[in-house]
Amino acid sequence: MTTLKERLQSELGDAMRARDETRKSTLRMLIAAIKNAEIEARAPLDDSGVVTVIQKQVKQRRESILEFSKGDRQDLVDKEQAEIEVLQVYLPEQASREEIEAAARKVIAETGAAGPRDIGKVMPALSKQFLGRADGRVISEIVRALLGP
């Protein structure tokens, strides 16, 4: 079984042979980010570490899209969106909003959370449960809605 890093390297070669510029440049940036994370950690990353790096890359691109939208730069928004689509192929399947909400209700019941001050009791459990499968912002939004204003 190949690791995620090996798969990325292999697919970079495929993208180069296919002359797919968007995929090639995105994979090159991702591989560089993984190497930087390995240097920082002073150890090779396992697949979960690589997934974390991919999530950071997706988050950075989403933030860029917001800024480019404010600056009325649709060309850059489209470029960033295309890169997100390439990166999401390597992430685990994302949890649905309904799935997150059901898990949040369960955790709220288990912890006895009653209001907005109890968000700190609920978030760690949900974040751990949906690690790599949901954006923390979405989880937080759902928990806040369930616990009230």
C-alpha atoms as a PDB file:
ATOM      1  CA  MET A   1       0.000   0.000   0.000  1.00  0.00           C
ATOM      2  CA  THR A   2       1.384   3.375  -0.955  1.00  0.00           C
ATOM      3  CA  THR A   3       1.498   6.337   1.349  1.00  0.00           C
ATOM      4  CA  LEU A   4      -0.255   9.594   0.559  1.00  0.00           C
ATOM      5  CA  LYS A   5       3.109  11.288  -0.097  1.00  0.00           C
ATOM      6  CA  GLU A   6       4.023   8.593  -2.649  1.00  0.00           C
ATOM      7  CA  ARG A   7       0.628   9.022  -4.301  1.00  0.00           C
ATOM      8  CA  LEU A   8       1.178  12.783  -4.545  1.00  0.00           C
ATOM      9  CA  GLN A   9       4.599  12.288  -6.164  1.00  0.00           C
ATOM     10  CA  SER A  10       3.175   9.779  -8.632  1.00  0.00           C
ATOM     11  CA  GLU A  11       0.268  12.026  -9.553  1.00  0.00           C
ATOM     12  CA  LEU A  12       2.630  14.973  -9.999  1.00  0.00           C
ATOM     13  CA  GLY A  13       4.405  12.938 -12.667  1.00  0.00           C
ATOM     14  CA  ASP A  14       1.068  12.113 -14.277  1.00  0.00           C
ATOM     15  CA  ALA A  15       0.092  15.805 -14.280  1.00  0.00           C
ATOM     16  CA  MET A  16       3.415  16.733 -15.878  1.00  0.00           C
ATOM     17  CA  ARG A  17       2.969  14.139 -18.627  1.00  0.00           C
ATOM     18  CA  ALA A  18      -0.596  15.324 -19.223  1.00  0.00           C
ATOM     19  CA  ARG A  19       0.572  18.963 -19.267  1.00  0.00           C
ATOM     20  CA  ASP A  20      -2.076  19.830 -16.661  1.00  0.00           C
ATOM     21  CA  GLU A  21      -0.617  23.109 -15.390  1.00  0.00           C
ATOM     22  CA  THR A  22      -3.106  23.728 -12.572  1.00  0.00           C
ATOM     23  CA  ARG A  23      -2.715  20.234 -11.129  1.00  0.00           C
ATOM     24  CA  LYS A  24       1.068  20.298 -11.581  1.00  0.00           C
ATOM     25  CA  SER A  25       1.596  23.642  -9.846  1.00  0.00           C
ATOM     26  CA  THR A  26      -0.840  22.789  -7.035  1.00  0.00           C
ATOM     27  CA  LEU A  27       0.842  19.439  -6.344  1.00  0.00           C
ATOM     28  CA  ARG A  28       4.281  21.048  -6.416  1.00  0.00           C
ATOM     29  CA  MET A  29       3.192  23.661  -3.854  1.00  0.00           C
ATOM     30  CA  LEU A  30       1.622  20.942  -1.717  1.00  0.00           C
ATOM     31  CA  ILE A  31       4.733  18.744  -1.800  1.00  0.00           C
ATOM     32  CA  ALA A  32       6.860  21.764  -0.855  1.00  0.00           C
ATOM     33  CA  ALA A  33       4.506  22.531   2.058  1.00  0.00           C
ATOM     34  CA  ILE A  34       4.770  18.913   3.219  1.00  0.00           C
ATOM     35  CA  LYS A  35       8.574  19.056   3.091  1.00  0.00           C
ATOM     36  CA  ASN A  36       8.522  22.317   5.077  1.00  0.00           C
ATOM     37  CA  ALA A  37       6.260  20.702   7.686  1.00  0.00           C
ATOM     38  CA  GLU A  38       8.634  17.731   7.904  1.00  0.00           C
ATOM     39  CA  ILE A  39      11.585  20.059   8.397  1.00  0.00           C
ATOM     40  CA  GLU A  40       9.678  21.915  11.097  1.00  0.00           C
ATOM     41  CA  ALA A  41       8.677  18.647  12.808  1.00  0.00           C
ATOM     42  CA  ARG A  42      12.173  17.200  12.289  1.00  0.00           C
ATOM     43  CA  ALA A  43      10.552  13.931  11.237  1.00  0.00           C
ATOM     44  CA  PRO A  44       8.754  12.482   8.242  1.00  0.00           C
ATOM     45  CA  LEU A  45       4.988  12.999   8.250  1.00  0.00           C
ATOM     46  CA  ASP A  46       2.586  10.085   8.253  1.00  0.00           C
ATOM     47  CA  ASP A  47      -0.644  10.188   6.242  1.00  0.00           C
ATOM     48  CA  SER A  48      -2.555  12.026   8.986  1.00  0.00           C
ATOM     49  CA  GLY A  49       0.174  14.687   9.089  1.00  0.00           C
ATOM     50  CA  VAL A  50      -0.029  15.051   5.321  1.00  0.00           C
ATOM     51  CA  VAL A  51      -3.831  15.416   5.546  1.00  0.00           C
ATOM     52  CA  THR A  52      -3.329  18.197   8.102  1.00  0.00           C
ATOM     53  CA  VAL A  53      -1.004  20.021   5.679  1.00  0.00           C
ATOM     54  CA  ILE A  54      -3.548  19.612   2.875  1.00  0.00           C
ATOM     55  CA  GLN A  55      -6.281  21.041   5.107  1.00  0.00           C
ATOM     56  CA  LYS A  56      -4.101  24.064   5.874  1.00  0.00           C
ATOM     57  CA  GLN A  57      -3.514  24.587   2.165  1.00  0.00           C
ATOM     58  CA  VAL A  58      -7.266  24.443   1.458  1.00  0.00           C
ATOM     59  CA  LYS A  59      -7.951  26.875   4.308  1.00  0.00           C
ATOM     60  CA  GLN A  60      -5.333  29.319   2.982  1.00  0.00           C
ATOM     61  CA  ARG A  61      -6.921  29.207  -0.453  1.00  0.00           C
ATOM     62  CA  ARG A  62     -10.403  29.809   0.970  1.00  0.00           C
ATOM     63  CA  GLU A  63      -9.093  32.852   2.823  1.00  0.00           C
ATOM     64  CA  SER A  64      -7.436  34.059  -0.377  1.00  0.00           C
ATOM     65  CA  ILE A  65     -10.714  33.657  -2.257  1.00  0.00           C
ATOM     66  CA  LEU A  66     -12.436  35.927   0.281  1.00  0.00           C
ATOM     67  CA  GLU A  67      -9.775  38.594  -0.129  1.00  0.00           C
ATOM     68  CA  PHE A  68      -9.678  38.321  -3.923  1.00  0.00           C
ATOM     69  CA  SER A  69     -13.483  38.595  -4.008  1.00  0.00           C
ATOM     70  CA  LYS A  70     -13.290  41.813  -2.002  1.00  0.00           C
ATOM     71  CA  GLY A  71     -10.699  43.114  -4.462  1.00  0.00           C
ATOM     72  CA  ASP A  72     -12.899  42.137  -7.436  1.00  0.00           C
ATOM     73  CA  ARG A  73     -10.256  39.780  -8.863  1.00  0.00           C
ATOM     74  CA  GLN A  74     -12.378  37.001 -10.339  1.00  0.00           C
ATOM     75  CA  ASP A  75      -9.395  35.611 -12.280  1.00  0.00           C
ATOM     76  CA  LEU A  76      -7.548  34.901  -9.016  1.00  0.00           C
ATOM     77  CA  VAL A  77     -10.703  33.585  -7.341  1.00  0.00           C
ATOM     78  CA  ASP A  78     -11.089  31.066 -10.183  1.00  0.00           C
ATOM     79  CA  LYS A  79      -7.436  30.020  -9.906  1.00  0.00           C
ATOM     80  CA  GLU A  80      -7.682  29.456  -6.145  1.00  0.00           C
ATOM     81  CA  GLN A  81     -10.964  27.546  -6.562  1.00  0.00           C
ATOM     82  CA  ALA A  82      -9.359  25.253  -9.140  1.00  0.00           C
ATOM     83  CA  GLU A  83      -6.494  24.570  -6.720  1.00  0.00           C
ATOM     84  CA  ILE A  84      -8.961  23.738  -3.927  1.00  0.00           C
ATOM     85  CA  GLU A  85     -10.634  21.209  -6.230  1.00  0.00           C
ATOM     86  CA  VAL A  86      -7.266  19.541  -6.873  1.00  0.00           C
ATOM     87  CA  LEU A  87      -6.436  19.417  -3.137  1.00  0.00           C
ATOM     88  CA  GLN A  88      -9.816  18.076  -2.020  1.00  0.00           C
ATOM     89  CA  VAL A  89      -9.204  14.867  -3.957  1.00  0.00           C
ATOM     90  CA  TYR A  90      -6.613  13.941  -1.306  1.00  0.00           C
ATOM     91  CA  LEU A  91      -8.773  14.716   1.736  1.00  0.00           C
ATOM     92  CA  PRO A  92     -11.043  12.177   3.407  1.00  0.00           C
ATOM     93  CA  GLU A  93     -14.715  12.445   2.479  1.00  0.00           C
ATOM     94  CA  GLN A  94     -16.159  15.470   4.247  1.00  0.00           C
ATOM     95  CA  ALA A  95     -18.879  14.961   6.845  1.00  0.00           C
ATOM     96  CA  SER A  96     -22.335  16.302   6.016  1.00  0.00           C
ATOM     97  CA  ARG A  97     -23.877  19.110   8.011  1.00  0.00           C
ATOM     98  CA  GLU A  98     -26.565  16.697   9.236  1.00  0.00           C
ATOM     99  CA  GLU A  99     -23.946  14.203  10.435  1.00  0.00           C
ATOM    100  CA  ILE A 100     -22.114  16.933  12.362  1.00  0.00           C
ATOM    101  CA  GLU A 101     -25.356  18.220  13.853  1.00  0.00           C
ATOM    102  CA  ALA A 102     -26.387  14.727  15.018  1.00  0.00           C
ATOM    103  CA  ALA A 103     -22.985  14.166  16.643  1.00  0.00           C
ATOM    104  CA  ALA A 104     -23.135  17.632  18.232  1.00  0.00           C
ATOM    105  CA  ARG A 105     -26.553  16.890  19.766  1.00  0.00           C
ATOM    106  CA  LYS A 106     -25.172  13.643  21.181  1.00  0.00           C
ATOM    107  CA  VAL A 107     -22.088  15.329  22.687  1.00  0.00           C
ATOM    108  CA  ILE A 108     -24.233  18.146  24.112  1.00  0.00           C
ATOM    109  CA  ALA A 109     -26.454  15.566  25.811  1.00  0.00           C
ATOM    110  CA  GLU A 110     -23.441  13.603  27.127  1.00  0.00           C
ATOM    111  CA  THR A 111     -21.685  16.665  28.541  1.00  0.00           C
ATOM    112  CA  GLY A 112     -24.814  18.364  29.826  1.00  0.00           C
ATOM    113  CA  ALA A 113     -23.964  21.550  27.944  1.00  0.00           C
ATOM    114  CA  ALA A 114     -26.774  24.055  28.351  1.00  0.00           C
ATOM    115  CA  GLY A 115     -25.722  27.379  26.876  1.00  0.00           C
ATOM    116  CA  PRO A 116     -23.105  29.352  24.964  1.00  0.00           C
ATOM    117  CA  ARG A 117     -20.688  29.185  27.903  1.00  0.00           C
ATOM    118  CA  ASP A 118     -20.492  25.407  27.492  1.00  0.00           C
ATOM    119  CA  ILE A 119     -19.126  25.515  23.940  1.00  0.00           C
ATOM    120  CA  GLY A 120     -15.704  24.665  25.390  1.00  0.00           C
ATOM    121  CA  LYS A 121     -17.085  21.356  26.665  1.00  0.00           C
ATOM    122  CA  VAL A 122     -18.463  20.328  23.279  1.00  0.00           C
ATOM    123  CA  MET A 123     -15.931  21.585  20.723  1.00  0.00           C
ATOM    124  CA  PRO A 124     -12.900  19.442  21.694  1.00  0.00           C
ATOM    125  CA  ALA A 125     -14.858  16.195  21.422  1.00  0.00           C
ATOM    126  CA  LEU A 126     -16.393  17.132  18.077  1.00  0.00           C
ATOM    127  CA  SER A 127     -13.135  18.461  16.668  1.00  0.00           C
ATOM    128  CA  LYS A 128     -11.432  15.185  17.522  1.00  0.00           C
ATOM    129  CA  GLN A 129     -14.309  13.135  16.108  1.00  0.00           C
ATOM    130  CA  PHE A 130     -14.364  15.005  12.792  1.00  0.00           C
ATOM    131  CA  LEU A 131     -10.612  15.561  12.433  1.00  0.00           C
ATOM    132  CA  GLY A 132      -9.893  15.835   8.731  1.00  0.00           C
ATOM    133  CA  ARG A 133     -13.548  15.404   7.802  1.00  0.00           C
ATOM    134  CA  ALA A 134     -14.980  18.806   8.711  1.00  0.00           C
ATOM    135  CA  ASP A 135     -13.872  22.410   8.948  1.00  0.00           C
ATOM    136  CA  GLY A 136     -13.652  23.654  12.539  1.00  0.00           C
ATOM    137  CA  ARG A 137     -15.560  26.777  11.543  1.00  0.00           C
ATOM    138  CA  VAL A 138     -18.538  24.681  10.403  1.00  0.00           C
ATOM    139  CA  ILE A 139     -18.468  22.617  13.600  1.00  0.00           C
ATOM    140  CA  SER A 140     -18.340  25.774  15.709  1.00  0.00           C
ATOM    141  CA  GLU A 141     -21.202  27.342  13.749  1.00  0.00           C
ATOM    142  CA  ILE A 142     -23.410  24.271  14.342  1.00  0.00           C
ATOM    143  CA  VAL A 143     -22.564  24.065  18.067  1.00  0.00           C
ATOM    144  CA  ARG A 144     -23.276  27.781  18.546  1.00  0.00           C
ATOM    145  CA  ALA A 145     -26.638  27.410  16.797  1.00  0.00           C
ATOM    146  CA  LEU A 146     -27.570  24.427  18.997  1.00  0.00           C
ATOM    147  CA  LEU A 147     -26.481  26.064  22.262  1.00  0.00           C
ATOM    148  CA  GLY A 148     -28.241  29.343  21.561  1.00  0.00           C
ATOM    149  CA  PRO A 149     -27.069  32.960  21.378  1.00  0.00           C
END
